[in-house]
Amino acid sequence: MLIFQIDWSENSSRNFDNNVITTCAFNLAEGSNVERYSWQSMPNSEGGKQLHPEHDFIVVAELGQIFTAGATQYHVWKEEDNVTEDWFTTHENLINTALEGKGSLTYTEIDMVNRKCTSRLEASTDRTSWEEYPYIYHLNLDYMKIELDAGSNFLCSLLITDDWASWTTQVRDVLAGTTETINSPAPGKTVYLTFSEDVLVNGNAVAAGDTLKLTSASFEVTASENTKILTNFG
């Protein structure tokens, strides 16, 4: 099962048109985490795993998770999973290539004897244009735990539309003390925007964790804090 051991904001889980569910939490306490015990417990798993085209030990996920501070990630595995050390170097390279220096994934411990590993995820505020969601690739293992740094805000979006594999998840930052006019990442498509901080959108107050359905070609955002915008469209 997928367990969120996090203190969520009030009414934080919301369904938008049966396309996207968003769940958000803010100023997390030490030890807050997301834990998965089985890949089959993930939504949309009945359709089977979507594997990376070149690596059958890498899974493409429909879950978007964005955090404003760092996090530590843990995996354990079984002998029959046939894990080799190149799994971790490949995964690290895939994520860091997608990050393009804007954050990082580093495996800090790999224990092949006891079949467990630890990695470190660092966030950044350097994505000042729409970019592909960088954490789309996961190891093809059942167990995963992500423990978020204290004080972090956390945005989670889940694509529940039947054609979720044709949708796209992207992310960008808006820096504190700035006002920006931001173009839609997909003009003419259904676009949802979720914000990590309180902002003004076209002069109107939008609370952290709120999701807006974009109906215009652009929008204006004023941010008093470094803000992440998570978008899903299809």
C-alpha atoms as a PDB file:
ATOM      1  CA  MET A   1       0.000   0.000   0.000  1.00  0.00           C
ATOM      2  CA  LEU A   2       0.966   3.656  -0.352  1.00  0.00           C
ATOM      3  CA  ILE A   3       1.140   5.402   3.050  1.00  0.00           C
ATOM      4  CA  PHE A   4       1.485   9.150   3.574  1.00  0.00           C
ATOM      5  CA  GLN A   5       2.769   9.716   7.121  1.00  0.00           C
ATOM      6  CA  ILE A   6       2.348  13.465   6.788  1.00  0.00           C
ATOM      7  CA  ASP A   7       0.182  16.078   8.468  1.00  0.00           C
ATOM      8  CA  TRP A   8      -1.897  17.245   5.517  1.00  0.00           C
ATOM      9  CA  SER A   9      -3.515  20.646   5.158  1.00  0.00           C
ATOM     10  CA  GLU A  10      -7.281  20.819   5.669  1.00  0.00           C
ATOM     11  CA  ASN A  11      -9.249  19.466   2.689  1.00  0.00           C
ATOM     12  CA  SER A  12      -5.953  18.976   0.893  1.00  0.00           C
ATOM     13  CA  SER A  13      -7.007  16.079  -1.350  1.00  0.00           C
ATOM     14  CA  ARG A  14      -9.047  17.315  -4.285  1.00  0.00           C
ATOM     15  CA  ASN A  15     -10.316  15.741  -7.487  1.00  0.00           C
ATOM     16  CA  PHE A  16     -10.329  17.907 -10.607  1.00  0.00           C
ATOM     17  CA  ASP A  17     -12.682  16.681 -13.351  1.00  0.00           C
ATOM     18  CA  ASN A  18     -11.637  13.063 -12.726  1.00  0.00           C
ATOM     19  CA  ASN A  19      -8.353  13.959 -14.411  1.00  0.00           C
ATOM     20  CA  VAL A  20      -6.060  14.876 -11.525  1.00  0.00           C
ATOM     21  CA  ILE A  21      -6.047  14.453  -7.746  1.00  0.00           C
ATOM     22  CA  THR A  22      -3.808  16.809  -5.775  1.00  0.00           C
ATOM     23  CA  THR A  23      -2.720  16.441  -2.151  1.00  0.00           C
ATOM     24  CA  CYS A  24      -0.557  19.023  -0.366  1.00  0.00           C
ATOM     25  CA  ALA A  25       1.152  19.526   2.982  1.00  0.00           C
ATOM     26  CA  PHE A  26       3.089  22.455   4.413  1.00  0.00           C
ATOM     27  CA  ASN A  27       5.889  23.158   6.904  1.00  0.00           C
ATOM     28  CA  LEU A  28       6.404  19.457   7.455  1.00  0.00           C
ATOM     29  CA  ALA A  29       7.547  18.071  10.781  1.00  0.00           C
ATOM     30  CA  GLU A  30      10.742  16.045  11.064  1.00  0.00           C
ATOM     31  CA  GLY A  31      10.124  12.446  10.001  1.00  0.00           C
ATOM     32  CA  SER A  32       7.257  13.201   7.603  1.00  0.00           C
ATOM     33  CA  ASN A  33       7.368  10.643   4.824  1.00  0.00           C
ATOM     34  CA  VAL A  34       5.711   8.838   1.942  1.00  0.00           C
ATOM     35  CA  GLU A  35       6.054   5.056   1.973  1.00  0.00           C
ATOM     36  CA  ARG A  36       5.144   2.449  -0.652  1.00  0.00           C
ATOM     37  CA  TYR A  37       5.143  -1.283   0.042  1.00  0.00           C
ATOM     38  CA  SER A  38       3.944  -2.611  -3.282  1.00  0.00           C
ATOM     39  CA  TRP A  39       3.897  -1.241  -6.806  1.00  0.00           C
ATOM     40  CA  GLN A  40       0.526  -2.953  -7.304  1.00  0.00           C
ATOM     41  CA  SER A  41      -0.950  -0.637  -4.651  1.00  0.00           C
ATOM     42  CA  MET A  42      -0.281   2.380  -6.861  1.00  0.00           C
ATOM     43  CA  PRO A  43      -3.212   3.893  -8.774  1.00  0.00           C
ATOM     44  CA  ASN A  44      -3.406   2.823 -12.433  1.00  0.00           C
ATOM     45  CA  SER A  45      -1.253  -0.224 -11.672  1.00  0.00           C
ATOM     46  CA  GLU A  46      -3.876  -2.501 -13.226  1.00  0.00           C
ATOM     47  CA  GLY A  47      -2.654  -1.323 -16.607  1.00  0.00           C
ATOM     48  CA  GLY A  48       0.795  -2.736 -15.903  1.00  0.00           C
ATOM     49  CA  LYS A  49       4.094  -0.966 -15.484  1.00  0.00           C
ATOM     50  CA  GLN A  50       5.287   1.494 -18.076  1.00  0.00           C
ATOM     51  CA  LEU A  51       8.987   0.672 -18.349  1.00  0.00           C
ATOM     52  CA  HIS A  52      11.790   2.872 -19.588  1.00  0.00           C
ATOM     53  CA  PRO A  53      12.437   2.018 -23.268  1.00  0.00           C
ATOM     54  CA  GLU A  54      16.086   1.129 -22.614  1.00  0.00           C
ATOM     55  CA  HIS A  55      16.082  -0.141 -19.021  1.00  0.00           C
ATOM     56  CA  ASP A  56      13.585  -2.710 -17.754  1.00  0.00           C
ATOM     57  CA  PHE A  57      14.571  -1.937 -14.147  1.00  0.00           C
ATOM     58  CA  ILE A  58      13.310   1.664 -14.454  1.00  0.00           C
ATOM     59  CA  VAL A  59       9.571   2.420 -14.214  1.00  0.00           C
ATOM     60  CA  VAL A  60       7.811   5.525 -15.541  1.00  0.00           C
ATOM     61  CA  ALA A  61       5.341   6.825 -12.922  1.00  0.00           C
ATOM     62  CA  GLU A  62       2.136   8.878 -13.171  1.00  0.00           C
ATOM     63  CA  LEU A  63       2.664  10.395  -9.718  1.00  0.00           C
ATOM     64  CA  GLY A  64       4.131  13.906  -9.468  1.00  0.00           C
ATOM     65  CA  GLN A  65       5.790  14.774  -6.141  1.00  0.00           C
ATOM     66  CA  ILE A  66       7.419  18.163  -5.589  1.00  0.00           C
ATOM     67  CA  PHE A  67       9.081  19.349  -2.368  1.00  0.00           C
ATOM     68  CA  THR A  68      10.542  22.740  -1.526  1.00  0.00           C
ATOM     69  CA  ALA A  69      13.454  21.449   0.561  1.00  0.00           C
ATOM     70  CA  GLY A  70      15.491  18.249   0.416  1.00  0.00           C
ATOM     71  CA  ALA A  71      14.522  14.630   1.064  1.00  0.00           C
ATOM     72  CA  THR A  72      16.116  11.264   1.784  1.00  0.00           C
ATOM     73  CA  GLN A  73      14.939   8.226  -0.168  1.00  0.00           C
ATOM     74  CA  TYR A  74      15.176   4.584   0.906  1.00  0.00           C
ATOM     75  CA  HIS A  75      14.725   1.314  -1.014  1.00  0.00           C
ATOM     76  CA  VAL A  76      14.936  -2.322   0.021  1.00  0.00           C
ATOM     77  CA  TRP A  77      14.656  -5.328  -2.265  1.00  0.00           C
ATOM     78  CA  LYS A  78      14.428  -9.092  -2.397  1.00  0.00           C
ATOM     79  CA  GLU A  79      17.024 -11.503  -3.749  1.00  0.00           C
ATOM     80  CA  GLU A  80      14.699 -12.477  -6.598  1.00  0.00           C
ATOM     81  CA  ASP A  81      14.637  -8.854  -7.805  1.00  0.00           C
ATOM     82  CA  ASN A  82      18.110  -9.525  -9.251  1.00  0.00           C
ATOM     83  CA  VAL A  83      19.315  -6.012  -8.471  1.00  0.00           C
ATOM     84  CA  THR A  84      22.775  -5.043  -9.710  1.00  0.00           C
ATOM     85  CA  GLU A  85      24.829  -1.958  -8.927  1.00  0.00           C
ATOM     86  CA  ASP A  86      24.312  -0.489 -12.388  1.00  0.00           C
ATOM     87  CA  TRP A  87      20.637   0.041 -11.470  1.00  0.00           C
ATOM     88  CA  PHE A  88      21.673   2.868  -9.167  1.00  0.00           C
ATOM     89  CA  THR A  89      24.185   4.554 -11.445  1.00  0.00           C
ATOM     90  CA  THR A  90      21.671   4.432 -14.307  1.00  0.00           C
ATOM     91  CA  HIS A  91      18.854   5.837 -12.158  1.00  0.00           C
ATOM     92  CA  GLU A  92      21.087   8.575 -10.772  1.00  0.00           C
ATOM     93  CA  ASN A  93      22.225   9.554 -14.264  1.00  0.00           C
ATOM     94  CA  LEU A  94      18.657   9.624 -15.646  1.00  0.00           C
ATOM     95  CA  ILE A  95      17.395  11.894 -12.868  1.00  0.00           C
ATOM     96  CA  ASN A  96      20.403  14.227 -12.877  1.00  0.00           C
ATOM     97  CA  THR A  97      20.252  14.563 -16.656  1.00  0.00           C
ATOM     98  CA  ALA A  98      16.599  15.604 -16.322  1.00  0.00           C
ATOM     99  CA  LEU A  99      17.449  18.007 -13.480  1.00  0.00           C
ATOM    100  CA  GLU A 100      20.142  19.762 -15.544  1.00  0.00           C
ATOM    101  CA  GLY A 101      21.926  20.972 -12.412  1.00  0.00           C
ATOM    102  CA  LYS A 102      18.708  22.268 -10.810  1.00  0.00           C
ATOM    103  CA  GLY A 103      18.726  19.961  -7.820  1.00  0.00           C
ATOM    104  CA  SER A 104      20.297  16.517  -7.606  1.00  0.00           C
ATOM    105  CA  LEU A 105      19.912  12.822  -6.798  1.00  0.00           C
ATOM    106  CA  THR A 106      22.901  11.105  -5.154  1.00  0.00           C
ATOM    107  CA  TYR A 107      23.060   7.519  -3.900  1.00  0.00           C
ATOM    108  CA  THR A 108      24.838   7.805  -0.558  1.00  0.00           C
ATOM    109  CA  GLU A 109      24.706   4.154   0.528  1.00  0.00           C
ATOM    110  CA  ILE A 110      24.309   0.962  -1.495  1.00  0.00           C
ATOM    111  CA  ASP A 111      24.363  -2.247   0.579  1.00  0.00           C
ATOM    112  CA  MET A 112      24.153  -5.154  -1.833  1.00  0.00           C
ATOM    113  CA  VAL A 113      24.594  -7.728   0.979  1.00  0.00           C
ATOM    114  CA  ASN A 114      21.635  -6.535   3.059  1.00  0.00           C
ATOM    115  CA  ARG A 115      19.731  -5.405  -0.067  1.00  0.00           C
ATOM    116  CA  LYS A 116      19.035  -1.788   0.830  1.00  0.00           C
ATOM    117  CA  CYS A 117      20.095   1.657  -0.353  1.00  0.00           C
ATOM    118  CA  THR A 118      19.801   5.322   0.572  1.00  0.00           C
ATOM    119  CA  SER A 119      19.819   8.325  -1.712  1.00  0.00           C
ATOM    120  CA  ARG A 120      19.625  12.064  -1.222  1.00  0.00           C
ATOM    121  CA  LEU A 121      17.360  14.435  -3.182  1.00  0.00           C
ATOM    122  CA  GLU A 122      18.179  18.143  -3.202  1.00  0.00           C
ATOM    123  CA  ALA A 123      15.718  20.780  -4.393  1.00  0.00           C
ATOM    124  CA  SER A 124      16.477  24.110  -6.064  1.00  0.00           C
ATOM    125  CA  THR A 125      14.709  27.326  -7.046  1.00  0.00           C
ATOM    126  CA  ASP A 126      16.375  27.610 -10.467  1.00  0.00           C
ATOM    127  CA  ARG A 127      13.604  26.369 -12.786  1.00  0.00           C
ATOM    128  CA  THR A 128      12.369  29.689 -14.109  1.00  0.00           C
ATOM    129  CA  SER A 129      10.716  28.196 -17.206  1.00  0.00           C
ATOM    130  CA  TRP A 130       8.458  25.182 -17.737  1.00  0.00           C
ATOM    131  CA  GLU A 131      10.483  21.969 -17.669  1.00  0.00           C
ATOM    132  CA  GLU A 132       9.608  18.283 -17.680  1.00  0.00           C
ATOM    133  CA  TYR A 133       8.945  16.787 -14.271  1.00  0.00           C
ATOM    134  CA  PRO A 134      12.383  15.375 -13.392  1.00  0.00           C
ATOM    135  CA  TYR A 135      11.418  12.558 -11.006  1.00  0.00           C
ATOM    136  CA  ILE A 136       9.337  10.551 -13.467  1.00  0.00           C
ATOM    137  CA  TYR A 137      11.725   7.565 -13.295  1.00  0.00           C
ATOM    138  CA  HIS A 138      11.630   5.122 -10.378  1.00  0.00           C
ATOM    139  CA  LEU A 139      13.508   1.924  -9.643  1.00  0.00           C
ATOM    140  CA  ASN A 140      11.426  -1.165 -10.458  1.00  0.00           C
ATOM    141  CA  LEU A 141      11.180  -2.149  -6.787  1.00  0.00           C
ATOM    142  CA  ASP A 142       8.148  -2.535  -4.534  1.00  0.00           C
ATOM    143  CA  TYR A 143       9.412  -0.756  -1.427  1.00  0.00           C
ATOM    144  CA  MET A 144      10.269   2.937  -1.376  1.00  0.00           C
ATOM    145  CA  LYS A 145      10.255   5.532   1.385  1.00  0.00           C
ATOM    146  CA  ILE A 146      10.831   9.275   0.936  1.00  0.00           C
ATOM    147  CA  GLU A 147      11.498  11.189   4.173  1.00  0.00           C
ATOM    148  CA  LEU A 148      11.195  14.948   3.662  1.00  0.00           C
ATOM    149  CA  ASP A 149      13.301  17.566   5.404  1.00  0.00           C
ATOM    150  CA  ALA A 150      11.635  19.434   8.259  1.00  0.00           C
ATOM    151  CA  GLY A 151       9.999  22.666   7.108  1.00  0.00           C
ATOM    152  CA  SER A 152       9.440  21.521   3.548  1.00  0.00           C
ATOM    153  CA  ASN A 153       6.217  22.032   1.615  1.00  0.00           C
ATOM    154  CA  PHE A 154       5.026  19.047  -0.427  1.00  0.00           C
ATOM    155  CA  LEU A 155       2.835  18.897  -3.526  1.00  0.00           C
ATOM    156  CA  CYS A 156       1.573  15.590  -4.869  1.00  0.00           C
ATOM    157  CA  SER A 157      -0.471  15.174  -8.039  1.00  0.00           C
ATOM    158  CA  LEU A 158      -1.866  11.918  -9.347  1.00  0.00           C
ATOM    159  CA  LEU A 159      -3.175  11.469 -12.883  1.00  0.00           C
ATOM    160  CA  ILE A 160      -6.391   9.425 -12.703  1.00  0.00           C
ATOM    161  CA  THR A 161      -7.714  10.033 -16.208  1.00  0.00           C
ATOM    162  CA  ASP A 162      -8.042   6.864 -18.299  1.00  0.00           C
ATOM    163  CA  ASP A 163      -5.466   8.153 -20.781  1.00  0.00           C
ATOM    164  CA  TRP A 164      -2.995   9.243 -18.081  1.00  0.00           C
ATOM    165  CA  ALA A 165       0.014   8.004 -20.078  1.00  0.00           C
ATOM    166  CA  SER A 166      -0.672  10.677 -22.732  1.00  0.00           C
ATOM    167  CA  TRP A 167      -0.638  13.499 -20.144  1.00  0.00           C
ATOM    168  CA  THR A 168       2.412  15.541 -19.161  1.00  0.00           C
ATOM    169  CA  THR A 169       3.624  16.776 -15.782  1.00  0.00           C
ATOM    170  CA  GLN A 170       5.910  19.825 -15.644  1.00  0.00           C
ATOM    171  CA  VAL A 171       7.258  22.159 -12.982  1.00  0.00           C
ATOM    172  CA  ARG A 172       8.754  25.623 -12.688  1.00  0.00           C
ATOM    173  CA  ASP A 173       9.767  28.151 -10.022  1.00  0.00           C
ATOM    174  CA  VAL A 174       8.781  31.749  -9.404  1.00  0.00           C
ATOM    175  CA  LEU A 175      11.324  33.617  -7.303  1.00  0.00           C
ATOM    176  CA  ALA A 176      10.471  35.575  -4.171  1.00  0.00           C
ATOM    177  CA  GLY A 177       9.727  39.251  -4.739  1.00  0.00           C
ATOM    178  CA  THR A 178       8.992  38.885  -8.447  1.00  0.00           C
ATOM    179  CA  THR A 179       5.989  39.293 -10.719  1.00  0.00           C
ATOM    180  CA  GLU A 180       6.025  37.245 -13.911  1.00  0.00           C
ATOM    181  CA  THR A 181       3.758  36.766 -16.879  1.00  0.00           C
ATOM    182  CA  ILE A 182       3.877  33.034 -17.570  1.00  0.00           C
ATOM    183  CA  ASN A 183       2.721  31.423 -20.792  1.00  0.00           C
ATOM    184  CA  SER A 184       0.573  28.316 -20.670  1.00  0.00           C
ATOM    185  CA  PRO A 185       2.711  25.169 -21.043  1.00  0.00           C
ATOM    186  CA  ALA A 186       0.104  23.733 -23.428  1.00  0.00           C
ATOM    187  CA  PRO A 187      -2.178  26.292 -25.121  1.00  0.00           C
ATOM    188  CA  GLY A 188      -5.482  24.748 -26.150  1.00  0.00           C
ATOM    189  CA  LYS A 189      -5.169  21.805 -23.744  1.00  0.00           C
ATOM    190  CA  THR A 190      -6.634  21.185 -20.290  1.00  0.00           C
ATOM    191  CA  VAL A 191      -4.028  22.604 -17.869  1.00  0.00           C
ATOM    192  CA  TYR A 192      -4.048  22.417 -14.059  1.00  0.00           C
ATOM    193  CA  LEU A 193      -1.671  24.518 -11.918  1.00  0.00           C
ATOM    194  CA  THR A 194      -0.857  23.799  -8.242  1.00  0.00           C
ATOM    195  CA  PHE A 195       1.124  26.313  -6.129  1.00  0.00           C
ATOM    196  CA  SER A 196       3.485  25.622  -3.218  1.00  0.00           C
ATOM    197  CA  GLU A 197       3.045  29.058  -1.589  1.00  0.00           C
ATOM    198  CA  ASP A 198       0.461  31.812  -1.272  1.00  0.00           C
ATOM    199  CA  VAL A 199       0.594  33.936  -4.444  1.00  0.00           C
ATOM    200  CA  LEU A 200      -1.379  36.429  -6.468  1.00  0.00           C
ATOM    201  CA  VAL A 201      -2.609  35.185  -9.852  1.00  0.00           C
ATOM    202  CA  ASN A 202      -3.872  37.947 -12.120  1.00  0.00           C
ATOM    203  CA  GLY A 203      -4.206  40.048  -8.959  1.00  0.00           C
ATOM    204  CA  ASN A 204      -6.310  37.469  -7.089  1.00  0.00           C
ATOM    205  CA  ALA A 205      -5.146  35.677  -3.944  1.00  0.00           C
ATOM    206  CA  VAL A 206      -4.391  31.975  -4.405  1.00  0.00           C
ATOM    207  CA  ALA A 207      -3.499  29.914  -1.337  1.00  0.00           C
ATOM    208  CA  ALA A 208      -0.655  27.430  -1.103  1.00  0.00           C
ATOM    209  CA  GLY A 209      -1.895  24.071  -2.308  1.00  0.00           C
ATOM    210  CA  ASP A 210      -4.671  25.506  -4.438  1.00  0.00           C
ATOM    211  CA  THR A 211      -5.094  24.193  -7.988  1.00  0.00           C
ATOM    212  CA  LEU A 212      -6.346  26.374 -10.826  1.00  0.00           C
ATOM    213  CA  LYS A 213      -7.637  25.268 -14.217  1.00  0.00           C
ATOM    214  CA  LEU A 214      -5.977  27.495 -16.786  1.00  0.00           C
ATOM    215  CA  THR A 215      -8.277  28.807 -19.520  1.00  0.00           C
ATOM    216  CA  SER A 216      -6.047  31.499 -21.023  1.00  0.00           C
ATOM    217  CA  ALA A 217      -2.809  31.593 -22.986  1.00  0.00           C
ATOM    218  CA  SER A 218      -0.928  33.202 -20.077  1.00  0.00           C
ATOM    219  CA  PHE A 219      -1.296  34.359 -16.485  1.00  0.00           C
ATOM    220  CA  GLU A 220       0.491  36.745 -14.115  1.00  0.00           C
ATOM    221  CA  VAL A 221       1.977  35.522 -10.812  1.00  0.00           C
ATOM    222  CA  THR A 222       3.277  37.648  -7.944  1.00  0.00           C
ATOM    223  CA  ALA A 223       5.256  35.676  -5.344  1.00  0.00           C
ATOM    224  CA  SER A 224       6.448  36.858  -1.938  1.00  0.00           C
ATOM    225  CA  GLU A 225       8.213  33.517  -1.308  1.00  0.00           C
ATOM    226  CA  ASN A 226      10.096  31.191  -3.637  1.00  0.00           C
ATOM    227  CA  THR A 227       7.223  29.256  -5.212  1.00  0.00           C
ATOM    228  CA  LYS A 228       6.973  26.014  -7.157  1.00  0.00           C
ATOM    229  CA  ILE A 229       4.199  25.484  -9.687  1.00  0.00           C
ATOM    230  CA  LEU A 230       3.288  21.903 -10.538  1.00  0.00           C
ATOM    231  CA  THR A 231       1.285  21.527 -13.734  1.00  0.00           C
ATOM    232  CA  ASN A 232      -0.513  18.598 -15.361  1.00  0.00           C
ATOM    233  CA  PHE A 233      -1.988  18.803 -18.835  1.00  0.00           C
ATOM    234  CA  GLY A 234      -3.351  16.586 -21.561  1.00  0.00           C
END
